Amino acid sequence: MADFQEDSLSNLTHRIIGAAFEVHNNLRSGFQEVIYQRALAHEFTLRGIVAERECELPVYYKGEMVGARRVDFLVENQVCVELKAIAELNESHIAQTYSYVEAFNKEIALLINFGAASVQHRRIHNKKFRKTD
């Protein structure tokens, strides 16, 4: 069963990355992040990928709600997707995406950058993932 879950998740992340490449191939770099977000939402729809935009989750500290985190997309309730439209990704972008995947308790997140000459993407694995029923 775990192998099926991993294969399914791997297939989903490949489909998301493929959609991102399609958006970048059509728009290229140079737009604001929100333009890529809207285009990617449309591409997800065209490909039959179910995604919730600007998905928000409360953040707790020692039982007290201290704020909320908002990820660009939660895809099929399995993968957090964070978008950037910058020249180059750095460690702070990876850390931000890692905080999302932990806060949402998802196994994997994708960090996708449309600002470079070619789409950049990183898979972020949640080492603290807790499987729930």
C-alpha atoms as a PDB file:
ATOM      1  CA  MET A   1       0.000   0.000   0.000  1.00  0.00           C
ATOM      2  CA  ALA A   2       2.840   2.408   0.836  1.00  0.00           C
ATOM      3  CA  ASP A   3       4.364   1.816  -2.610  1.00  0.00           C
ATOM      4  CA  PHE A   4       1.055   2.740  -4.253  1.00  0.00           C
ATOM      5  CA  GLN A   5       0.872   5.919  -2.133  1.00  0.00           C
ATOM      6  CA  GLU A   6       4.449   6.862  -3.086  1.00  0.00           C
ATOM      7  CA  ASP A   7       3.797   6.130  -6.784  1.00  0.00           C
ATOM      8  CA  SER A   8       0.582   8.147  -6.674  1.00  0.00           C
ATOM      9  CA  LEU A   9       2.304  11.074  -4.967  1.00  0.00           C
ATOM     10  CA  SER A  10       5.240  10.904  -7.388  1.00  0.00           C
ATOM     11  CA  ASN A  11       2.829  10.889 -10.329  1.00  0.00           C
ATOM     12  CA  LEU A  12       0.958  13.877  -8.914  1.00  0.00           C
ATOM     13  CA  THR A  13       4.133  15.906  -8.394  1.00  0.00           C
ATOM     14  CA  HIS A  14       5.214  15.108 -11.955  1.00  0.00           C
ATOM     15  CA  ARG A  15       1.842  16.326 -13.245  1.00  0.00           C
ATOM     16  CA  ILE A  16       2.157  19.561 -11.223  1.00  0.00           C
ATOM     17  CA  ILE A  17       5.685  20.183 -12.512  1.00  0.00           C
ATOM     18  CA  GLY A  18       4.525  19.465 -16.067  1.00  0.00           C
ATOM     19  CA  ALA A  19       1.769  22.050 -15.692  1.00  0.00           C
ATOM     20  CA  ALA A  20       4.322  24.572 -14.396  1.00  0.00           C
ATOM     21  CA  PHE A  21       6.557  23.985 -17.425  1.00  0.00           C
ATOM     22  CA  GLU A  22       3.570  24.489 -19.724  1.00  0.00           C
ATOM     23  CA  VAL A  23       2.785  27.831 -18.061  1.00  0.00           C
ATOM     24  CA  HIS A  24       6.422  28.950 -18.293  1.00  0.00           C
ATOM     25  CA  ASN A  25       6.704  27.825 -21.926  1.00  0.00           C
ATOM     26  CA  ASN A  26       3.769  30.070 -22.779  1.00  0.00           C
ATOM     27  CA  LEU A  27       4.410  33.087 -20.536  1.00  0.00           C
ATOM     28  CA  ARG A  28       8.201  32.936 -20.052  1.00  0.00           C
ATOM     29  CA  SER A  29       9.722  34.879 -17.160  1.00  0.00           C
ATOM     30  CA  GLY A  30       9.062  38.510 -16.298  1.00  0.00           C
ATOM     31  CA  PHE A  31       5.582  38.544 -14.765  1.00  0.00           C
ATOM     32  CA  GLN A  32       4.510  38.976 -11.164  1.00  0.00           C
ATOM     33  CA  GLU A  33       3.883  35.844  -9.109  1.00  0.00           C
ATOM     34  CA  VAL A  34       0.096  36.342  -9.148  1.00  0.00           C
ATOM     35  CA  ILE A  35       0.047  36.048 -12.969  1.00  0.00           C
ATOM     36  CA  TYR A  36       1.776  32.673 -12.800  1.00  0.00           C
ATOM     37  CA  GLN A  37      -0.549  31.618  -9.979  1.00  0.00           C
ATOM     38  CA  ARG A  38      -3.633  32.397 -12.066  1.00  0.00           C
ATOM     39  CA  ALA A  39      -2.173  30.745 -15.163  1.00  0.00           C
ATOM     40  CA  LEU A  40      -1.189  27.651 -13.196  1.00  0.00           C
ATOM     41  CA  ALA A  41      -4.678  27.440 -11.668  1.00  0.00           C
ATOM     42  CA  HIS A  42      -6.104  27.481 -15.198  1.00  0.00           C
ATOM     43  CA  GLU A  43      -3.598  24.854 -16.371  1.00  0.00           C
ATOM     44  CA  PHE A  44      -4.514  22.645 -13.414  1.00  0.00           C
ATOM     45  CA  THR A  45      -8.171  22.888 -14.436  1.00  0.00           C
ATOM     46  CA  LEU A  46      -7.319  21.994 -18.038  1.00  0.00           C
ATOM     47  CA  ARG A  47      -5.398  18.942 -16.821  1.00  0.00           C
ATOM     48  CA  GLY A  48      -8.046  17.803 -14.339  1.00  0.00           C
ATOM     49  CA  ILE A  49      -5.846  18.550 -11.313  1.00  0.00           C
ATOM     50  CA  VAL A  50      -7.879  19.645  -8.294  1.00  0.00           C
ATOM     51  CA  ALA A  51      -6.178  22.524  -6.493  1.00  0.00           C
ATOM     52  CA  GLU A  52      -7.234  25.029  -3.859  1.00  0.00           C
ATOM     53  CA  ARG A  53      -5.616  28.481  -4.204  1.00  0.00           C
ATOM     54  CA  GLU A  54      -4.420  30.541  -1.254  1.00  0.00           C
ATOM     55  CA  CYS A  55      -5.172  27.773   1.211  1.00  0.00           C
ATOM     56  CA  GLU A  56      -4.870  29.025   4.799  1.00  0.00           C
ATOM     57  CA  LEU A  57      -4.127  27.110   7.973  1.00  0.00           C
ATOM     58  CA  PRO A  58      -3.844  28.433  11.541  1.00  0.00           C
ATOM     59  CA  VAL A  59      -0.465  28.218  13.287  1.00  0.00           C
ATOM     60  CA  TYR A  60      -0.336  27.309  16.980  1.00  0.00           C
ATOM     61  CA  TYR A  61       2.372  27.859  19.535  1.00  0.00           C
ATOM     62  CA  LYS A  62       1.996  25.866  22.760  1.00  0.00           C
ATOM     63  CA  GLY A  63      -1.739  25.605  22.225  1.00  0.00           C
ATOM     64  CA  GLU A  64      -2.244  29.292  21.357  1.00  0.00           C
ATOM     65  CA  MET A  65      -3.153  30.362  17.821  1.00  0.00           C
ATOM     66  CA  VAL A  66      -0.482  32.893  16.857  1.00  0.00           C
ATOM     67  CA  GLY A  67      -1.289  33.434  13.198  1.00  0.00           C
ATOM     68  CA  ALA A  68      -1.904  31.682   9.938  1.00  0.00           C
ATOM     69  CA  ARG A  69       0.094  30.400   6.987  1.00  0.00           C
ATOM     70  CA  ARG A  70      -1.148  30.603   3.427  1.00  0.00           C
ATOM     71  CA  VAL A  71       0.236  28.351   0.737  1.00  0.00           C
ATOM     72  CA  ASP A  72      -0.257  29.245  -2.943  1.00  0.00           C
ATOM     73  CA  PHE A  73      -1.877  25.887  -3.741  1.00  0.00           C
ATOM     74  CA  LEU A  74      -2.947  22.767  -1.927  1.00  0.00           C
ATOM     75  CA  VAL A  75      -3.186  20.195  -4.720  1.00  0.00           C
ATOM     76  CA  GLU A  76      -5.585  17.280  -4.327  1.00  0.00           C
ATOM     77  CA  ASN A  77      -5.260  17.764  -0.555  1.00  0.00           C
ATOM     78  CA  GLN A  78      -1.829  16.107  -0.785  1.00  0.00           C
ATOM     79  CA  VAL A  79       0.838  18.511  -2.077  1.00  0.00           C
ATOM     80  CA  CYS A  80       1.606  22.053  -0.966  1.00  0.00           C
ATOM     81  CA  VAL A  81       2.800  24.206  -3.870  1.00  0.00           C
ATOM     82  CA  GLU A  82       4.599  27.480  -3.245  1.00  0.00           C
ATOM     83  CA  LEU A  83       5.316  29.772  -6.200  1.00  0.00           C
ATOM     84  CA  LYS A  84       8.002  32.369  -6.733  1.00  0.00           C
ATOM     85  CA  ALA A  85       8.800  34.715  -9.617  1.00  0.00           C
ATOM     86  CA  ILE A  86      12.358  35.706  -8.767  1.00  0.00           C
ATOM     87  CA  ALA A  87      15.790  35.474 -10.373  1.00  0.00           C
ATOM     88  CA  GLU A  88      17.024  32.696  -8.103  1.00  0.00           C
ATOM     89  CA  LEU A  89      15.762  30.575  -5.216  1.00  0.00           C
ATOM     90  CA  ASN A  90      17.619  30.685  -1.917  1.00  0.00           C
ATOM     91  CA  GLU A  91      17.549  28.917   1.450  1.00  0.00           C
ATOM     92  CA  SER A  92      14.883  31.243   2.900  1.00  0.00           C
ATOM     93  CA  HIS A  93      12.437  30.191   0.159  1.00  0.00           C
ATOM     94  CA  ILE A  94      13.138  26.536   0.934  1.00  0.00           C
ATOM     95  CA  ALA A  95      12.652  27.177   4.668  1.00  0.00           C
ATOM     96  CA  GLN A  96       9.352  28.975   3.984  1.00  0.00           C
ATOM     97  CA  THR A  97       8.081  26.061   1.908  1.00  0.00           C
ATOM     98  CA  TYR A  98       9.211  23.598   4.568  1.00  0.00           C
ATOM     99  CA  SER A  99       7.210  25.522   7.177  1.00  0.00           C
ATOM    100  CA  TYR A 100       4.111  25.153   4.975  1.00  0.00           C
ATOM    101  CA  VAL A 101       4.497  21.410   4.481  1.00  0.00           C
ATOM    102  CA  GLU A 102       4.919  20.995   8.248  1.00  0.00           C
ATOM    103  CA  ALA A 103       2.010  23.295   9.151  1.00  0.00           C
ATOM    104  CA  PHE A 104      -0.302  21.482   6.734  1.00  0.00           C
ATOM    105  CA  ASN A 105       1.098  18.080   7.762  1.00  0.00           C
ATOM    106  CA  LYS A 106       1.619  17.002   4.170  1.00  0.00           C
ATOM    107  CA  GLU A 107       4.292  14.575   3.056  1.00  0.00           C
ATOM    108  CA  ILE A 108       5.651  16.726   0.253  1.00  0.00           C
ATOM    109  CA  ALA A 109       5.662  20.261  -1.081  1.00  0.00           C
ATOM    110  CA  LEU A 110       6.866  21.757  -4.319  1.00  0.00           C
ATOM    111  CA  LEU A 111       8.661  25.086  -4.554  1.00  0.00           C
ATOM    112  CA  ILE A 112       8.348  26.373  -8.128  1.00  0.00           C
ATOM    113  CA  ASN A 113      10.107  29.447  -9.489  1.00  0.00           C
ATOM    114  CA  PHE A 114       8.955  31.073 -12.729  1.00  0.00           C
ATOM    115  CA  GLY A 115      11.434  33.993 -12.606  1.00  0.00           C
ATOM    116  CA  ALA A 116      14.461  32.219 -14.052  1.00  0.00           C
ATOM    117  CA  ALA A 117      15.169  31.427 -17.714  1.00  0.00           C
ATOM    118  CA  SER A 118      13.723  27.946 -17.108  1.00  0.00           C
ATOM    119  CA  VAL A 119      11.312  26.761 -14.439  1.00  0.00           C
ATOM    120  CA  GLN A 120      13.102  25.860 -11.229  1.00  0.00           C
ATOM    121  CA  HIS A 121      11.496  23.374  -8.864  1.00  0.00           C
ATOM    122  CA  ARG A 122      12.398  21.737  -5.594  1.00  0.00           C
ATOM    123  CA  ARG A 123      10.671  18.894  -3.821  1.00  0.00           C
ATOM    124  CA  ILE A 124      10.503  19.498  -0.088  1.00  0.00           C
ATOM    125  CA  HIS A 125       9.924  16.349   2.002  1.00  0.00           C
ATOM    126  CA  ASN A 126       8.348  16.708   5.436  1.00  0.00           C
ATOM    127  CA  LYS A 127      10.526  14.779   7.869  1.00  0.00           C
ATOM    128  CA  LYS A 128       7.874  15.297  10.566  1.00  0.00           C
ATOM    129  CA  PHE A 129       4.945  14.012   8.459  1.00  0.00           C
ATOM    130  CA  ARG A 130       2.351  12.201  10.578  1.00  0.00           C
ATOM    131  CA  LYS A 131      -0.016   9.957   8.682  1.00  0.00           C
ATOM    132  CA  THR A 132      -3.627  10.476   9.805  1.00  0.00           C
ATOM    133  CA  ASP A 133      -6.696   8.402   9.001  1.00  0.00           C
END
